C-alpha atoms as a PDB file:
ATOM      1  CA  UNK A   1      63.940  -3.013  48.211  1.00  0.00           C
ATOM      2  CA  UNK A   2      60.320  -3.320  49.003  1.00  0.00           C
ATOM      3  CA  UNK A   3      58.071  -2.675  45.966  1.00  0.00           C
ATOM      4  CA  UNK A   4      54.367  -2.692  45.889  1.00  0.00           C
ATOM      5  CA  UNK A   5      52.188  -3.977  42.805  1.00  0.00           C
ATOM      6  CA  UNK A   6      48.623  -2.844  42.005  1.00  0.00           C
ATOM      7  CA  UNK A   7      46.315  -4.125  39.187  1.00  0.00           C
ATOM      8  CA  UNK A   8      44.623  -1.625  36.849  1.00  0.00           C
ATOM      9  CA  UNK A   9      40.732  -1.878  36.749  1.00  0.00           C
ATOM     10  CA  UNK A  10      39.230  -3.813  33.747  1.00  0.00           C
ATOM     11  CA  UNK A  11      37.741  -1.189  30.938  1.00  0.00           C
ATOM     12  CA  UNK A  12      34.609  -2.294  29.188  1.00  0.00           C
ATOM     13  CA  UNK A  13      33.856  -1.429  25.914  1.00  0.00           C
ATOM     14  CA  UNK A  14      30.180  -0.510  24.873  1.00  0.00           C
ATOM     15  CA  UNK A  15      28.152  -1.304  21.965  1.00  0.00           C
ATOM     16  CA  UNK A  16      29.081   0.453  18.486  1.00  0.00           C
ATOM     17  CA  UNK A  17      26.506   3.214  17.994  1.00  0.00           C
ATOM     18  CA  UNK A  18      27.659   3.445  14.299  1.00  0.00           C
ATOM     19  CA  UNK A  19      25.830   0.344  13.618  1.00  0.00           C
ATOM     20  CA  UNK A  20      22.876   1.080  15.324  1.00  0.00           C
ATOM     21  CA  UNK A  21      22.352   4.421  13.748  1.00  0.00           C
ATOM     22  CA  UNK A  22      23.009   2.883  10.035  1.00  0.00           C
ATOM     23  CA  UNK A  23      20.734   0.379  10.735  1.00  0.00           C
ATOM     24  CA  UNK A  24      17.935   2.578  11.930  1.00  0.00           C
ATOM     25  CA  UNK A  25      18.575   4.896   8.800  1.00  0.00           C
ATOM     26  CA  UNK A  26      18.137   1.633   6.349  1.00  0.00           C
ATOM     27  CA  UNK A  27      14.729   0.750   8.072  1.00  0.00           C
ATOM     28  CA  UNK A  28      13.838   4.451   7.853  1.00  0.00           C
ATOM     29  CA  UNK A  29      14.214   4.547   3.981  1.00  0.00           C
ATOM     30  CA  UNK A  30      12.684   1.077   3.726  1.00  0.00           C
ATOM     31  CA  UNK A  31       9.643   2.278   5.671  1.00  0.00           C
ATOM     32  CA  UNK A  32       9.170   5.433   3.509  1.00  0.00           C
ATOM     33  CA  UNK A  33       9.351   3.269   0.091  1.00  0.00           C
ATOM     34  CA  UNK A  34       6.281   1.152   1.441  1.00  0.00           C
ATOM     35  CA  UNK A  35       4.193   4.028   2.367  1.00  0.00           C
ATOM     36  CA  UNK A  36       5.022   5.748  -1.186  1.00  0.00           C
ATOM     37  CA  UNK A  37       4.231   2.160  -2.772  1.00  0.00           C
ATOM     38  CA  UNK A  38       1.398   2.075  -0.655  1.00  0.00           C
ATOM     39  CA  UNK A  39      -0.121   5.337  -1.660  1.00  0.00           C
ATOM     40  CA  UNK A  40       0.662   4.401  -5.321  1.00  0.00           C
ATOM     41  CA  UNK A  41      -1.534   1.402  -4.867  1.00  0.00           C
ATOM     42  CA  UNK A  42      -4.423   3.648  -3.449  1.00  0.00           C
ATOM     43  CA  UNK A  43      -4.477   5.870  -6.158  1.00  0.00           C
ATOM     44  CA  UNK A  44      -4.700   3.159  -8.840  1.00  0.00           C
ATOM     45  CA  UNK A  45      -7.633   1.730  -6.777  1.00  0.00           C
ATOM     46  CA  UNK A  46      -9.323   4.956  -6.775  1.00  0.00           C
ATOM     47  CA  UNK A  47      -8.982   5.100 -10.203  1.00  0.00           C
ATOM     48  CA  UNK A  48     -10.221   1.699 -11.098  1.00  0.00           C
ATOM     49  CA  UNK A  49     -13.009   2.541  -8.933  1.00  0.00           C
ATOM     50  CA  UNK A  50     -14.105   5.773 -10.689  1.00  0.00           C
ATOM     51  CA  UNK A  51     -13.698   3.602 -14.316  1.00  0.00           C
ATOM     52  CA  UNK A  52     -15.948   0.898 -12.667  1.00  0.00           C
ATOM     53  CA  UNK A  53     -18.697   3.827 -11.562  1.00  0.00           C
ATOM     54  CA  UNK A  54     -18.362   5.112 -14.923  1.00  0.00           C
ATOM     55  CA  UNK A  55     -18.945   1.785 -16.701  1.00  0.00           C
ATOM     56  CA  UNK A  56     -21.944   1.078 -14.167  1.00  0.00           C
ATOM     57  CA  UNK A  57     -23.397   4.511 -15.477  1.00  0.00           C
ATOM     58  CA  UNK A  58     -23.129   3.276 -19.078  1.00  0.00           C
ATOM     59  CA  UNK A  59     -24.354   0.377 -18.466  1.00  0.00           C
ATOM     60  CA  UNK A  60     -27.442   1.829 -16.595  1.00  0.00           C
ATOM     61  CA  UNK A  61     -28.132   3.893 -20.019  1.00  0.00           C
ATOM     62  CA  UNK A  62     -27.877   1.135 -22.489  1.00  0.00           C
ATOM     63  CA  UNK A  63     -30.262  -1.116 -20.519  1.00  0.00           C
ATOM     64  CA  UNK A  64     -32.653   2.008 -20.457  1.00  0.00           C
ATOM     65  CA  UNK A  65     -32.295   2.639 -24.206  1.00  0.00           C
ATOM     66  CA  UNK A  66     -33.005  -1.108 -24.829  1.00  0.00           C
ATOM     67  CA  UNK A  67     -35.767  -0.749 -22.682  1.00  0.00           C
ATOM     68  CA  UNK A  68     -37.206   1.625 -24.924  1.00  0.00           C
ATOM     69  CA  UNK A  69     -36.406   0.012 -28.110  1.00  0.00           C
ATOM     70  CA  UNK A  70     -38.319  -2.872 -26.722  1.00  0.00           C
ATOM     71  CA  UNK A  71     -40.988  -0.830 -25.881  1.00  0.00           C
ATOM     72  CA  UNK A  72     -41.445   0.504 -29.213  1.00  0.00           C
ATOM     73  CA  UNK A  73     -40.609  -2.827 -30.817  1.00  0.00           C
ATOM     74  CA  UNK A  74     -44.124  -3.909 -29.093  1.00  0.00           C
ATOM     75  CA  UNK A  75     -46.066  -0.877 -30.056  1.00  0.00           C
ATOM     76  CA  UNK A  76     -44.543  -1.475 -33.745  1.00  0.00           C
ATOM     77  CA  UNK A  77     -45.659  -5.431 -32.987  1.00  0.00           C
ATOM     78  CA  UNK A  78     -49.113  -4.245 -31.759  1.00  0.00           C
ATOM     79  CA  UNK A  79     -50.000  -1.899 -34.444  1.00  0.00           C
ATOM     80  CA  UNK A  80     -48.773  -4.589 -37.139  1.00  0.00           C
ATOM     81  CA  UNK A  81     -51.194  -6.877 -35.582  1.00  0.00           C
ATOM     82  CA  UNK A  82     -53.911  -4.196 -35.797  1.00  0.00           C
ATOM     83  CA  UNK A  83     -53.594  -3.840 -39.294  1.00  0.00           C
ATOM     84  CA  UNK A  84     -53.130  -7.303 -40.362  1.00  0.00           C
ATOM     85  CA  UNK A  85     -56.497  -7.867 -38.660  1.00  0.00           C
ATOM     86  CA  UNK A  86     -58.124  -4.883 -40.323  1.00  0.00           C
ATOM     87  CA  UNK A  87     -56.707  -6.509 -43.748  1.00  0.00           C
ATOM     88  CA  UNK A  88     -58.105  -9.538 -42.927  1.00  0.00           C
ATOM     89  CA  UNK A  89     -61.343  -7.924 -42.081  1.00  0.00           C
ATOM     90  CA  UNK A  90     -61.773  -6.157 -44.990  1.00  0.00           C
ATOM     91  CA  UNK A  91     -61.291  -9.052 -47.549  1.00  0.00           C
ATOM     92  CA  UNK A  92     -60.091  -6.821 -50.298  1.00  0.00           C
ATOM     93  CA  UNK A  93     -57.088  -5.469 -51.639  1.00  0.00           C
ATOM     94  CA  UNK A  94     -55.221  -3.192 -49.199  1.00  0.00           C
ATOM     95  CA  UNK A  95     -55.539   0.566 -50.120  1.00  0.00           C
ATOM     96  CA  UNK A  96     -52.208   2.138 -51.145  1.00  0.00           C
ATOM     97  CA  UNK A  97     -51.981   4.319 -47.987  1.00  0.00           C
ATOM     98  CA  UNK A  98     -52.748   0.955 -45.608  1.00  0.00           C
ATOM     99  CA  UNK A  99     -49.688  -0.965 -47.868  1.00  0.00           C
ATOM    100  CA  UNK A 100     -47.548   2.089 -47.039  1.00  0.00           C
ATOM    101  CA  UNK A 101     -48.297   1.975 -43.405  1.00  0.00           C
ATOM    102  CA  UNK A 102     -47.683  -1.558 -43.388  1.00  0.00           C
ATOM    103  CA  UNK A 103     -44.304  -1.336 -45.156  1.00  0.00           C
ATOM    104  CA  UNK A 104     -43.211   1.613 -42.683  1.00  0.00           C
ATOM    105  CA  UNK A 105     -44.308  -0.511 -39.902  1.00  0.00           C
ATOM    106  CA  UNK A 106     -42.156  -3.391 -40.974  1.00  0.00           C
ATOM    107  CA  UNK A 107     -39.250  -1.587 -41.369  1.00  0.00           C
ATOM    108  CA  UNK A 108     -39.483   0.545 -37.914  1.00  0.00           C
ATOM    109  CA  UNK A 109     -39.863  -3.294 -36.566  1.00  0.00           C
ATOM    110  CA  UNK A 110     -36.889  -4.564 -38.714  1.00  0.00           C
ATOM    111  CA  UNK A 111     -34.857  -1.516 -37.187  1.00  0.00           C
ATOM    112  CA  UNK A 112     -35.903  -1.998 -33.595  1.00  0.00           C
ATOM    113  CA  UNK A 113     -34.835  -5.450 -33.881  1.00  0.00           C
ATOM    114  CA  UNK A 114     -31.462  -4.486 -35.423  1.00  0.00           C
ATOM    115  CA  UNK A 115     -31.119  -1.848 -32.334  1.00  0.00           C
ATOM    116  CA  UNK A 116     -32.271  -4.362 -30.161  1.00  0.00           C
ATOM    117  CA  UNK A 117     -29.610  -6.924 -31.026  1.00  0.00           C
ATOM    118  CA  UNK A 118     -26.708  -4.158 -31.179  1.00  0.00           C
ATOM    119  CA  UNK A 119     -27.886  -2.938 -27.668  1.00  0.00           C
ATOM    120  CA  UNK A 120     -27.585  -6.739 -26.625  1.00  0.00           C
ATOM    121  CA  UNK A 121     -24.220  -6.771 -28.170  1.00  0.00           C
ATOM    122  CA  UNK A 122     -23.095  -3.941 -26.333  1.00  0.00           C
ATOM    123  CA  UNK A 123     -24.356  -4.942 -23.116  1.00  0.00           C
ATOM    124  CA  UNK A 124     -22.662  -8.410 -23.407  1.00  0.00           C
ATOM    125  CA  UNK A 125     -19.249  -6.733 -23.924  1.00  0.00           C
ATOM    126  CA  UNK A 126     -20.126  -4.046 -20.969  1.00  0.00           C
ATOM    127  CA  UNK A 127     -20.661  -6.937 -19.006  1.00  0.00           C
ATOM    128  CA  UNK A 128     -17.322  -8.556 -19.806  1.00  0.00           C
ATOM    129  CA  UNK A 129     -15.492  -5.202 -19.368  1.00  0.00           C
ATOM    130  CA  UNK A 130     -17.214  -5.151 -15.944  1.00  0.00           C
ATOM    131  CA  UNK A 131     -15.602  -8.673 -14.931  1.00  0.00           C
ATOM    132  CA  UNK A 132     -12.526  -7.761 -15.757  1.00  0.00           C
ATOM    133  CA  UNK A 133     -12.502  -4.415 -13.917  1.00  0.00           C
ATOM    134  CA  UNK A 134     -14.012  -6.421 -10.848  1.00  0.00           C
ATOM    135  CA  UNK A 135     -10.997  -8.885 -11.187  1.00  0.00           C
ATOM    136  CA  UNK A 136      -8.651  -5.930 -11.566  1.00  0.00           C
ATOM    137  CA  UNK A 137      -9.962  -4.000  -8.572  1.00  0.00           C
ATOM    138  CA  UNK A 138     -10.022  -7.295  -6.127  1.00  0.00           C
ATOM    139  CA  UNK A 139      -6.400  -7.987  -7.198  1.00  0.00           C
ATOM    140  CA  UNK A 140      -5.418  -4.389  -6.209  1.00  0.00           C
ATOM    141  CA  UNK A 141      -7.726  -4.967  -3.172  1.00  0.00           C
ATOM    142  CA  UNK A 142      -5.501  -7.973  -2.269  1.00  0.00           C
ATOM    143  CA  UNK A 143      -2.087  -6.034  -3.070  1.00  0.00           C
ATOM    144  CA  UNK A 144      -2.978  -3.114  -1.189  1.00  0.00           C
ATOM    145  CA  UNK A 145      -3.758  -5.679   1.965  1.00  0.00           C
ATOM    146  CA  UNK A 146      -0.488  -7.365   1.350  1.00  0.00           C
ATOM    147  CA  UNK A 147       1.229  -3.949   1.060  1.00  0.00           C
ATOM    148  CA  UNK A 148      -0.542  -3.092   4.508  1.00  0.00           C
ATOM    149  CA  UNK A 149       0.434  -6.308   6.031  1.00  0.00           C
ATOM    150  CA  UNK A 150       4.196  -5.857   4.914  1.00  0.00           C
ATOM    151  CA  UNK A 151       4.092  -2.327   6.301  1.00  0.00           C
ATOM    152  CA  UNK A 152       2.649  -3.026   9.787  1.00  0.00           C
ATOM    153  CA  UNK A 153       5.582  -5.858   9.982  1.00  0.00           C
ATOM    154  CA  UNK A 154       8.290  -3.588   8.979  1.00  0.00           C
ATOM    155  CA  UNK A 155       6.786  -0.951  11.556  1.00  0.00           C
ATOM    156  CA  UNK A 156       7.058  -3.598  14.005  1.00  0.00           C
ATOM    157  CA  UNK A 157      10.681  -4.216  13.189  1.00  0.00           C
ATOM    158  CA  UNK A 158      11.281  -0.504  13.023  1.00  0.00           C
ATOM    159  CA  UNK A 159      10.041  -0.423  16.366  1.00  0.00           C
ATOM    160  CA  UNK A 160      12.065  -2.898  17.778  1.00  0.00           C
ATOM    161  CA  UNK A 161      15.096  -1.912  16.399  1.00  0.00           C
ATOM    162  CA  UNK A 162      14.316   2.094  17.669  1.00  0.00           C
ATOM    163  CA  UNK A 163      14.207   0.195  21.226  1.00  0.00           C
ATOM    164  CA  UNK A 164      17.166  -1.453  20.397  1.00  0.00           C
ATOM    165  CA  UNK A 165      18.641   2.007  19.460  1.00  0.00           C
ATOM    166  CA  UNK A 166      17.437   3.548  22.782  1.00  0.00           C
ATOM    167  CA  UNK A 167      18.678   0.600  24.870  1.00  0.00           C
ATOM    168  CA  UNK A 168      22.175   0.594  23.255  1.00  0.00           C
ATOM    169  CA  UNK A 169      22.365   4.634  23.334  1.00  0.00           C
ATOM    170  CA  UNK A 170      21.707   4.285  27.244  1.00  0.00           C
ATOM    171  CA  UNK A 171      24.119   1.514  27.611  1.00  0.00           C
ATOM    172  CA  UNK A 172      26.558   3.467  25.654  1.00  0.00           C
ATOM    173  CA  UNK A 173      25.974   6.460  28.135  1.00  0.00           C
ATOM    174  CA  UNK A 174      26.261   3.893  31.221  1.00  0.00           C
ATOM    175  CA  UNK A 175      29.582   2.571  29.644  1.00  0.00           C
ATOM    176  CA  UNK A 176      30.735   5.928  29.124  1.00  0.00           C
ATOM    177  CA  UNK A 177      30.032   7.238  32.691  1.00  0.00           C
ATOM    178  CA  UNK A 178      31.441   3.897  34.342  1.00  0.00           C
ATOM    179  CA  UNK A 179      34.726   4.472  32.014  1.00  0.00           C
ATOM    180  CA  UNK A 180      34.991   7.772  33.145  1.00  0.00           C
ATOM    181  CA  UNK A 181      35.012   6.736  36.742  1.00  0.00           C
ATOM    182  CA  UNK A 182      37.518   3.940  36.291  1.00  0.00           C
ATOM    183  CA  UNK A 183      40.024   6.419  34.533  1.00  0.00           C
ATOM    184  CA  UNK A 184      39.953   8.366  37.703  1.00  0.00           C
ATOM    185  CA  UNK A 185      40.352   5.292  39.777  1.00  0.00           C
ATOM    186  CA  UNK A 186      43.309   4.261  37.829  1.00  0.00           C
ATOM    187  CA  UNK A 187      44.440   7.942  37.886  1.00  0.00           C
ATOM    188  CA  UNK A 188      44.382   8.031  41.781  1.00  0.00           C
ATOM    189  CA  UNK A 189      45.514   4.640  41.747  1.00  0.00           C
ATOM    190  CA  UNK A 190      48.636   5.629  39.751  1.00  0.00           C
ATOM    191  CA  UNK A 191      49.153   8.659  41.682  1.00  0.00           C
ATOM    192  CA  UNK A 192      48.930   6.857  44.667  1.00  0.00           C
ATOM    193  CA  UNK A 193      51.606   4.475  43.689  1.00  0.00           C
ATOM    194  CA  UNK A 194      54.082   6.676  42.327  1.00  0.00           C
ATOM    195  CA  UNK A 195      53.839   8.909  45.276  1.00  0.00           C
ATOM    196  CA  UNK A 196      54.510   5.619  47.624  1.00  0.00           C
ATOM    197  CA  UNK A 197      57.512   4.989  45.357  1.00  0.00           C
ATOM    198  CA  UNK A 198      58.947   8.388  45.818  1.00  0.00           C
ATOM    199  CA  UNK A 199      58.761   8.289  49.246  1.00  0.00           C
ATOM    200  CA  UNK A 200      60.254   5.167  49.719  1.00  0.00           C
ATOM    201  CA  UNK A 201      63.111   6.555  47.388  1.00  0.00           C
ATOM    202  CA  UNK A 202      63.167   9.273  49.653  1.00  0.00           C
ATOM    203  CA  UNK A 203      63.738   6.970  52.652  1.00  0.00           C
ATOM    204  CA  UNK A 204      66.371   4.628  51.249  1.00  0.00           C
ATOM    205  CA  UNK A 205      68.292   8.114  50.388  1.00  0.00           C
ATOM    206  CA  UNK A 206      68.119   9.613  53.484  1.00  0.00           C
ATOM    207  CA  UNK A 207      69.485   5.693  54.971  1.00  0.00           C
ATOM    208  CA  UNK A 208      72.372   5.676  52.610  1.00  0.00           C
ATOM    209  CA  UNK A 209      76.158   6.496  54.072  1.00  0.00           C
ATOM    210  CA  UNK A 210      77.531   9.711  52.607  1.00  0.00           C
END
């Protein structure tokens, strides 16, 4: 009895598309979270900048107020010096009116000095708050810059994964087409094999004695 032996074509399996899709979904979720975090940091930075601008405006108003008080203080001192000169020139006991004016001027000078001291204290506190706010804005800018760098790195990784995902999909398509061709070849080979066996069986049956 004669037999014929044929080898079946080798089947090649492609990469797992499910794992690629899971990786792509995770990267998109991470990218979205980083984007939202970056938006929150930008909002915080904008609020701090607005606070800083308001503090600057307050600082300018206080400085103007201090300048006004200083001018009033200088004017009061000038008037006081004038009155003192008048008293020295008169070489006599000051009148009640002049004494009252002198007393009022002294009170104005004291009030101006007190206001000046208070304004300087406020200015010092405002400068300290400005320094703290500047440090906070600097830290916020640094954080935003770090987030931008991380977002760019994640975007590069995501783009690479997307490219790999496209390549895997293309490879799966190619493997599927190759598998389909191999299945067709295998079907044809099996059909030919069984046809050959059946034909040989028929020939042997005819040659057997009855």
